[in-house]
Amino acid sequence: MMYAVGSNEKAAELAGAPVKVYKIWAYVISGVFASIGGILLAARLGRGDIASGNNLLLDSVAAALIGFAVLGAAKPNAFGTAIGALFVGVLLQGLTMMNAPYYTQDFVKGAVLVVALVFTFALSNRAR
Protein backbone atom coordinates (compact mmCIF):
# COMPACT_ATOMS: atom_id res chain seq x y z
CA MET A 1 0.00 0.00 0.00
CA MET A 2 2.92 2.33 0.69
CA TYR A 3 4.05 1.83 -2.91
CA ALA A 4 0.61 2.85 -4.18
CA VAL A 5 0.59 6.00 -2.05
CA GLY A 6 4.05 6.94 -3.27
CA SER A 7 3.31 6.43 -6.93
CA ASN A 8 -0.12 8.06 -7.14
CA GLU A 9 -1.47 9.63 -4.00
CA LYS A 10 -4.85 10.60 -5.45
CA ALA A 11 -5.51 7.13 -6.89
CA ALA A 12 -4.61 5.49 -3.57
CA GLU A 13 -6.97 7.85 -1.76
CA LEU A 14 -9.77 7.05 -4.19
CA ALA A 15 -9.10 3.34 -3.68
CA GLY A 16 -9.72 3.79 0.04
CA ALA A 17 -6.19 3.81 1.43
CA PRO A 18 -5.54 6.01 4.47
CA VAL A 19 -3.04 8.22 2.66
CA LYS A 20 -2.30 10.60 5.54
CA VAL A 21 -1.51 7.72 7.89
CA TYR A 22 0.86 6.15 5.37
CA LYS A 23 2.58 9.48 4.74
CA ILE A 24 3.05 10.05 8.46
CA TRP A 25 4.49 6.56 8.92
CA ALA A 26 6.79 7.03 5.94
CA TYR A 27 8.21 10.20 7.52
CA VAL A 28 8.50 8.53 10.93
CA ILE A 29 10.38 5.54 9.50
CA SER A 30 12.62 7.82 7.44
CA GLY A 31 13.38 9.95 10.49
CA VAL A 32 14.19 6.93 12.64
CA PHE A 33 16.62 5.54 10.09
CA ALA A 34 18.21 8.96 9.54
CA SER A 35 18.70 9.41 13.29
CA ILE A 36 20.23 5.93 13.60
CA GLY A 37 22.60 6.77 10.75
CA GLY A 38 23.51 10.08 12.38
CA ILE A 39 24.17 8.43 15.73
CA LEU A 40 26.35 5.76 14.12
CA LEU A 41 28.30 8.36 12.14
CA ALA A 42 28.83 10.52 15.23
CA ALA A 43 29.97 7.46 17.20
CA ARG A 44 32.38 6.50 14.43
CA LEU A 45 33.89 9.99 14.17
CA GLY A 46 33.76 10.73 17.88
CA ARG A 47 32.09 14.08 17.32
CA GLY A 48 29.07 15.67 15.75
CA ASP A 49 29.57 17.76 12.65
CA ILE A 50 27.12 19.10 10.10
CA ALA A 51 29.33 18.36 7.11
CA SER A 52 30.70 14.99 8.26
CA GLY A 53 28.51 12.93 5.92
CA ASN A 54 29.07 14.93 2.74
CA ASN A 55 31.67 12.50 1.41
CA LEU A 56 29.22 9.59 1.79
CA LEU A 57 26.65 11.04 -0.61
CA LEU A 58 28.23 9.64 -3.76
CA ASP A 59 28.51 6.22 -2.13
CA SER A 60 24.83 6.14 -1.24
CA VAL A 61 23.72 7.32 -4.68
CA ALA A 62 25.94 4.69 -6.30
CA ALA A 63 24.51 1.97 -4.06
CA ALA A 64 20.93 3.02 -4.85
CA LEU A 65 21.54 3.14 -8.60
CA ILE A 66 23.32 -0.19 -8.59
CA GLY A 67 20.41 -1.58 -6.60
CA PHE A 68 18.05 -0.15 -9.19
CA ALA A 69 19.70 -2.27 -11.88
CA VAL A 70 20.22 -5.47 -9.84
CA LEU A 71 18.53 -8.62 -11.15
CA GLY A 72 16.95 -6.73 -14.03
CA ALA A 73 14.24 -5.32 -11.78
CA ALA A 74 14.58 -1.76 -13.14
CA LYS A 75 12.68 -0.43 -10.15
CA PRO A 76 13.72 0.60 -6.64
CA ASN A 77 14.04 -2.32 -4.25
CA ALA A 78 15.60 -2.79 -0.83
CA PHE A 79 17.41 -6.02 -1.73
CA GLY A 80 19.08 -4.42 -4.72
CA THR A 81 20.14 -1.40 -2.67
CA ALA A 82 21.68 -3.70 -0.04
CA ILE A 83 23.57 -5.54 -2.78
CA GLY A 84 24.66 -2.18 -4.22
CA ALA A 85 25.89 -0.97 -0.83
CA LEU A 86 27.80 -4.21 -0.34
CA PHE A 87 29.36 -3.88 -3.81
CA VAL A 88 30.39 -0.25 -3.24
CA GLY A 89 31.81 -1.09 0.19
CA VAL A 90 33.86 -4.00 -1.11
CA LEU A 91 35.05 -1.90 -4.06
CA LEU A 92 36.20 0.97 -1.83
CA GLN A 93 37.81 -1.37 0.68
CA GLY A 94 39.68 -3.07 -2.16
CA LEU A 95 40.92 0.27 -3.44
CA THR A 96 42.06 1.18 0.06
CA MET A 97 43.90 -2.12 0.44
CA MET A 98 45.64 -1.52 -2.92
CA ASN A 99 46.86 1.86 -1.58
CA ALA A 100 45.04 3.74 -4.33
CA PRO A 101 45.05 7.53 -3.84
CA TYR A 102 41.86 8.91 -2.34
CA TYR A 103 40.91 10.88 -5.45
CA THR A 104 40.91 7.76 -7.63
CA GLN A 105 38.13 6.35 -5.47
CA ASP A 106 35.84 9.13 -6.67
CA PHE A 107 36.74 8.36 -10.28
CA VAL A 108 36.01 4.67 -9.77
CA LYS A 109 32.70 5.45 -8.04
CA GLY A 110 31.79 7.74 -10.93
CA ALA A 111 32.61 5.02 -13.44
CA VAL A 112 30.48 2.54 -11.48
CA LEU A 113 27.63 5.07 -11.51
CA VAL A 114 27.89 5.47 -15.27
CA VAL A 115 27.88 1.70 -15.80
CA ALA A 116 24.89 1.32 -13.48
CA LEU A 117 23.00 4.03 -15.36
CA VAL A 118 23.79 2.39 -18.70
CA PHE A 119 22.48 -0.94 -17.39
CA THR A 120 19.39 0.72 -15.95
CA PHE A 121 18.52 2.49 -19.19
CA ALA A 122 19.27 -0.61 -21.23
CA LEU A 123 16.97 -2.68 -19.01
CA SER A 124 14.20 -0.10 -19.09
CA ASN A 125 14.40 0.18 -22.90
CA ARG A 126 14.37 -3.61 -23.21
CA ALA A 127 11.28 -3.84 -20.98
CA ARG A 128 9.40 -1.46 -23.27
C-alpha atoms as a PDB file:
ATOM      1  CA  MET A   1       0.000   0.000   0.000  1.00  0.00           C
ATOM      2  CA  MET A   2       2.919   2.334   0.686  1.00  0.00           C
ATOM      3  CA  TYR A   3       4.048   1.834  -2.910  1.00  0.00           C
ATOM      4  CA  ALA A   4       0.609   2.852  -4.177  1.00  0.00           C
ATOM      5  CA  VAL A   5       0.590   5.996  -2.050  1.00  0.00           C
ATOM      6  CA  GLY A   6       4.054   6.943  -3.269  1.00  0.00           C
ATOM      7  CA  SER A   7       3.312   6.426  -6.932  1.00  0.00           C
ATOM      8  CA  ASN A   8      -0.119   8.061  -7.141  1.00  0.00           C
ATOM      9  CA  GLU A   9      -1.469   9.632  -3.999  1.00  0.00           C
ATOM     10  CA  LYS A  10      -4.846  10.595  -5.448  1.00  0.00           C
ATOM     11  CA  ALA A  11      -5.513   7.128  -6.891  1.00  0.00           C
ATOM     12  CA  ALA A  12      -4.608   5.494  -3.573  1.00  0.00           C
ATOM     13  CA  GLU A  13      -6.970   7.849  -1.765  1.00  0.00           C
ATOM     14  CA  LEU A  14      -9.773   7.054  -4.195  1.00  0.00           C
ATOM     15  CA  ALA A  15      -9.097   3.335  -3.684  1.00  0.00           C
ATOM     16  CA  GLY A  16      -9.721   3.787   0.039  1.00  0.00           C
ATOM     17  CA  ALA A  17      -6.194   3.807   1.426  1.00  0.00           C
ATOM     18  CA  PRO A  18      -5.545   6.014   4.471  1.00  0.00           C
ATOM     19  CA  VAL A  19      -3.036   8.222   2.656  1.00  0.00           C
ATOM     20  CA  LYS A  20      -2.305  10.598   5.542  1.00  0.00           C
ATOM     21  CA  VAL A  21      -1.511   7.723   7.886  1.00  0.00           C
ATOM     22  CA  TYR A  22       0.863   6.147   5.372  1.00  0.00           C
ATOM     23  CA  LYS A  23       2.585   9.475   4.741  1.00  0.00           C
ATOM     24  CA  ILE A  24       3.051  10.050   8.464  1.00  0.00           C
ATOM     25  CA  TRP A  25       4.487   6.557   8.925  1.00  0.00           C
ATOM     26  CA  ALA A  26       6.789   7.033   5.942  1.00  0.00           C
ATOM     27  CA  TYR A  27       8.210  10.196   7.519  1.00  0.00           C
ATOM     28  CA  VAL A  28       8.505   8.527  10.929  1.00  0.00           C
ATOM     29  CA  ILE A  29      10.377   5.538   9.498  1.00  0.00           C
ATOM     30  CA  SER A  30      12.618   7.820   7.436  1.00  0.00           C
ATOM     31  CA  GLY A  31      13.375   9.954  10.491  1.00  0.00           C
ATOM     32  CA  VAL A  32      14.189   6.935  12.642  1.00  0.00           C
ATOM     33  CA  PHE A  33      16.623   5.540  10.094  1.00  0.00           C
ATOM     34  CA  ALA A  34      18.205   8.962   9.535  1.00  0.00           C
ATOM     35  CA  SER A  35      18.697   9.407  13.285  1.00  0.00           C
ATOM     36  CA  ILE A  36      20.228   5.931  13.602  1.00  0.00           C
ATOM     37  CA  GLY A  37      22.596   6.767  10.751  1.00  0.00           C
ATOM     38  CA  GLY A  38      23.508  10.082  12.383  1.00  0.00           C
ATOM     39  CA  ILE A  39      24.166   8.430  15.727  1.00  0.00           C
ATOM     40  CA  LEU A  40      26.349   5.759  14.123  1.00  0.00           C
ATOM     41  CA  LEU A  41      28.298   8.355  12.137  1.00  0.00           C
ATOM     42  CA  ALA A  42      28.830  10.523  15.234  1.00  0.00           C
ATOM     43  CA  ALA A  43      29.966   7.465  17.197  1.00  0.00           C
ATOM     44  CA  ARG A  44      32.378   6.505  14.430  1.00  0.00           C
ATOM     45  CA  LEU A  45      33.886   9.986  14.173  1.00  0.00           C
ATOM     46  CA  GLY A  46      33.764  10.726  17.878  1.00  0.00           C
ATOM     47  CA  ARG A  47      32.085  14.084  17.322  1.00  0.00           C
ATOM     48  CA  GLY A  48      29.067  15.666  15.754  1.00  0.00           C
ATOM     49  CA  ASP A  49      29.569  17.763  12.652  1.00  0.00           C
ATOM     50  CA  ILE A  50      27.115  19.104  10.103  1.00  0.00           C
ATOM     51  CA  ALA A  51      29.331  18.356   7.110  1.00  0.00           C
ATOM     52  CA  SER A  52      30.700  14.989   8.261  1.00  0.00           C
ATOM     53  CA  GLY A  53      28.513  12.933   5.919  1.00  0.00           C
ATOM     54  CA  ASN A  54      29.071  14.926   2.737  1.00  0.00           C
ATOM     55  CA  ASN A  55      31.667  12.504   1.407  1.00  0.00           C
ATOM     56  CA  LEU A  56      29.222   9.591   1.789  1.00  0.00           C
ATOM     57  CA  LEU A  57      26.648  11.043  -0.606  1.00  0.00           C
ATOM     58  CA  LEU A  58      28.227   9.644  -3.765  1.00  0.00           C
ATOM     59  CA  ASP A  59      28.508   6.217  -2.129  1.00  0.00           C
ATOM     60  CA  SER A  60      24.828   6.136  -1.242  1.00  0.00           C
ATOM     61  CA  VAL A  61      23.722   7.321  -4.683  1.00  0.00           C
ATOM     62  CA  ALA A  62      25.940   4.687  -6.302  1.00  0.00           C
ATOM     63  CA  ALA A  63      24.506   1.975  -4.058  1.00  0.00           C
ATOM     64  CA  ALA A  64      20.934   3.019  -4.846  1.00  0.00           C
ATOM     65  CA  LEU A  65      21.535   3.139  -8.599  1.00  0.00           C
ATOM     66  CA  ILE A  66      23.324  -0.194  -8.588  1.00  0.00           C
ATOM     67  CA  GLY A  67      20.412  -1.577  -6.600  1.00  0.00           C
ATOM     68  CA  PHE A  68      18.046  -0.154  -9.187  1.00  0.00           C
ATOM     69  CA  ALA A  69      19.701  -2.271 -11.882  1.00  0.00           C
ATOM     70  CA  VAL A  70      20.220  -5.468  -9.843  1.00  0.00           C
ATOM     71  CA  LEU A  71      18.525  -8.617 -11.150  1.00  0.00           C
ATOM     72  CA  GLY A  72      16.955  -6.732 -14.028  1.00  0.00           C
ATOM     73  CA  ALA A  73      14.242  -5.321 -11.775  1.00  0.00           C
ATOM     74  CA  ALA A  74      14.578  -1.761 -13.142  1.00  0.00           C
ATOM     75  CA  LYS A  75      12.681  -0.434 -10.146  1.00  0.00           C
ATOM     76  CA  PRO A  76      13.715   0.604  -6.644  1.00  0.00           C
ATOM     77  CA  ASN A  77      14.044  -2.318  -4.251  1.00  0.00           C
ATOM     78  CA  ALA A  78      15.600  -2.793  -0.831  1.00  0.00           C
ATOM     79  CA  PHE A  79      17.406  -6.024  -1.726  1.00  0.00           C
ATOM     80  CA  GLY A  80      19.084  -4.415  -4.718  1.00  0.00           C
ATOM     81  CA  THR A  81      20.135  -1.401  -2.674  1.00  0.00           C
ATOM     82  CA  ALA A  82      21.676  -3.696  -0.035  1.00  0.00           C
ATOM     83  CA  ILE A  83      23.568  -5.541  -2.778  1.00  0.00           C
ATOM     84  CA  GLY A  84      24.660  -2.184  -4.218  1.00  0.00           C
ATOM     85  CA  ALA A  85      25.891  -0.975  -0.825  1.00  0.00           C
ATOM     86  CA  LEU A  86      27.804  -4.214  -0.341  1.00  0.00           C
ATOM     87  CA  PHE A  87      29.358  -3.883  -3.806  1.00  0.00           C
ATOM     88  CA  VAL A  88      30.394  -0.252  -3.244  1.00  0.00           C
ATOM     89  CA  GLY A  89      31.810  -1.092   0.191  1.00  0.00           C
ATOM     90  CA  VAL A  90      33.856  -4.002  -1.114  1.00  0.00           C
ATOM     91  CA  LEU A  91      35.052  -1.898  -4.056  1.00  0.00           C
ATOM     92  CA  LEU A  92      36.204   0.973  -1.835  1.00  0.00           C
ATOM     93  CA  GLN A  93      37.811  -1.372   0.676  1.00  0.00           C
ATOM     94  CA  GLY A  94      39.679  -3.071  -2.161  1.00  0.00           C
ATOM     95  CA  LEU A  95      40.923   0.267  -3.441  1.00  0.00           C
ATOM     96  CA  THR A  96      42.060   1.183   0.065  1.00  0.00           C
ATOM     97  CA  MET A  97      43.899  -2.120   0.436  1.00  0.00           C
ATOM     98  CA  MET A  98      45.635  -1.516  -2.923  1.00  0.00           C
ATOM     99  CA  ASN A  99      46.859   1.862  -1.583  1.00  0.00           C
ATOM    100  CA  ALA A 100      45.040   3.742  -4.328  1.00  0.00           C
ATOM    101  CA  PRO A 101      45.049   7.528  -3.844  1.00  0.00           C
ATOM    102  CA  TYR A 102      41.860   8.905  -2.342  1.00  0.00           C
ATOM    103  CA  TYR A 103      40.915  10.882  -5.447  1.00  0.00           C
ATOM    104  CA  THR A 104      40.909   7.756  -7.628  1.00  0.00           C
ATOM    105  CA  GLN A 105      38.129   6.346  -5.466  1.00  0.00           C
ATOM    106  CA  ASP A 106      35.844   9.132  -6.671  1.00  0.00           C
ATOM    107  CA  PHE A 107      36.744   8.363 -10.279  1.00  0.00           C
ATOM    108  CA  VAL A 108      36.011   4.671  -9.768  1.00  0.00           C
ATOM    109  CA  LYS A 109      32.700   5.454  -8.042  1.00  0.00           C
ATOM    110  CA  GLY A 110      31.791   7.742 -10.933  1.00  0.00           C
ATOM    111  CA  ALA A 111      32.608   5.018 -13.442  1.00  0.00           C
ATOM    112  CA  VAL A 112      30.485   2.539 -11.484  1.00  0.00           C
ATOM    113  CA  LEU A 113      27.634   5.066 -11.513  1.00  0.00           C
ATOM    114  CA  VAL A 114      27.892   5.474 -15.270  1.00  0.00           C
ATOM    115  CA  VAL A 115      27.883   1.699 -15.801  1.00  0.00           C
ATOM    116  CA  ALA A 116      24.889   1.317 -13.479  1.00  0.00           C
ATOM    117  CA  LEU A 117      23.005   4.026 -15.358  1.00  0.00           C
ATOM    118  CA  VAL A 118      23.791   2.385 -18.695  1.00  0.00           C
ATOM    119  CA  PHE A 119      22.478  -0.942 -17.393  1.00  0.00           C
ATOM    120  CA  THR A 120      19.386   0.722 -15.949  1.00  0.00           C
ATOM    121  CA  PHE A 121      18.515   2.492 -19.188  1.00  0.00           C
ATOM    122  CA  ALA A 122      19.273  -0.606 -21.230  1.00  0.00           C
ATOM    123  CA  LEU A 123      16.969  -2.676 -19.013  1.00  0.00           C
ATOM    124  CA  SER A 124      14.200  -0.103 -19.090  1.00  0.00           C
ATOM    125  CA  ASN A 125      14.402   0.178 -22.899  1.00  0.00           C
ATOM    126  CA  ARG A 126      14.372  -3.606 -23.208  1.00  0.00           C
ATOM    127  CA  ALA A 127      11.277  -3.841 -20.979  1.00  0.00           C
ATOM    128  CA  ARG A 128       9.397  -1.460 -23.270  1.00  0.00           C
END
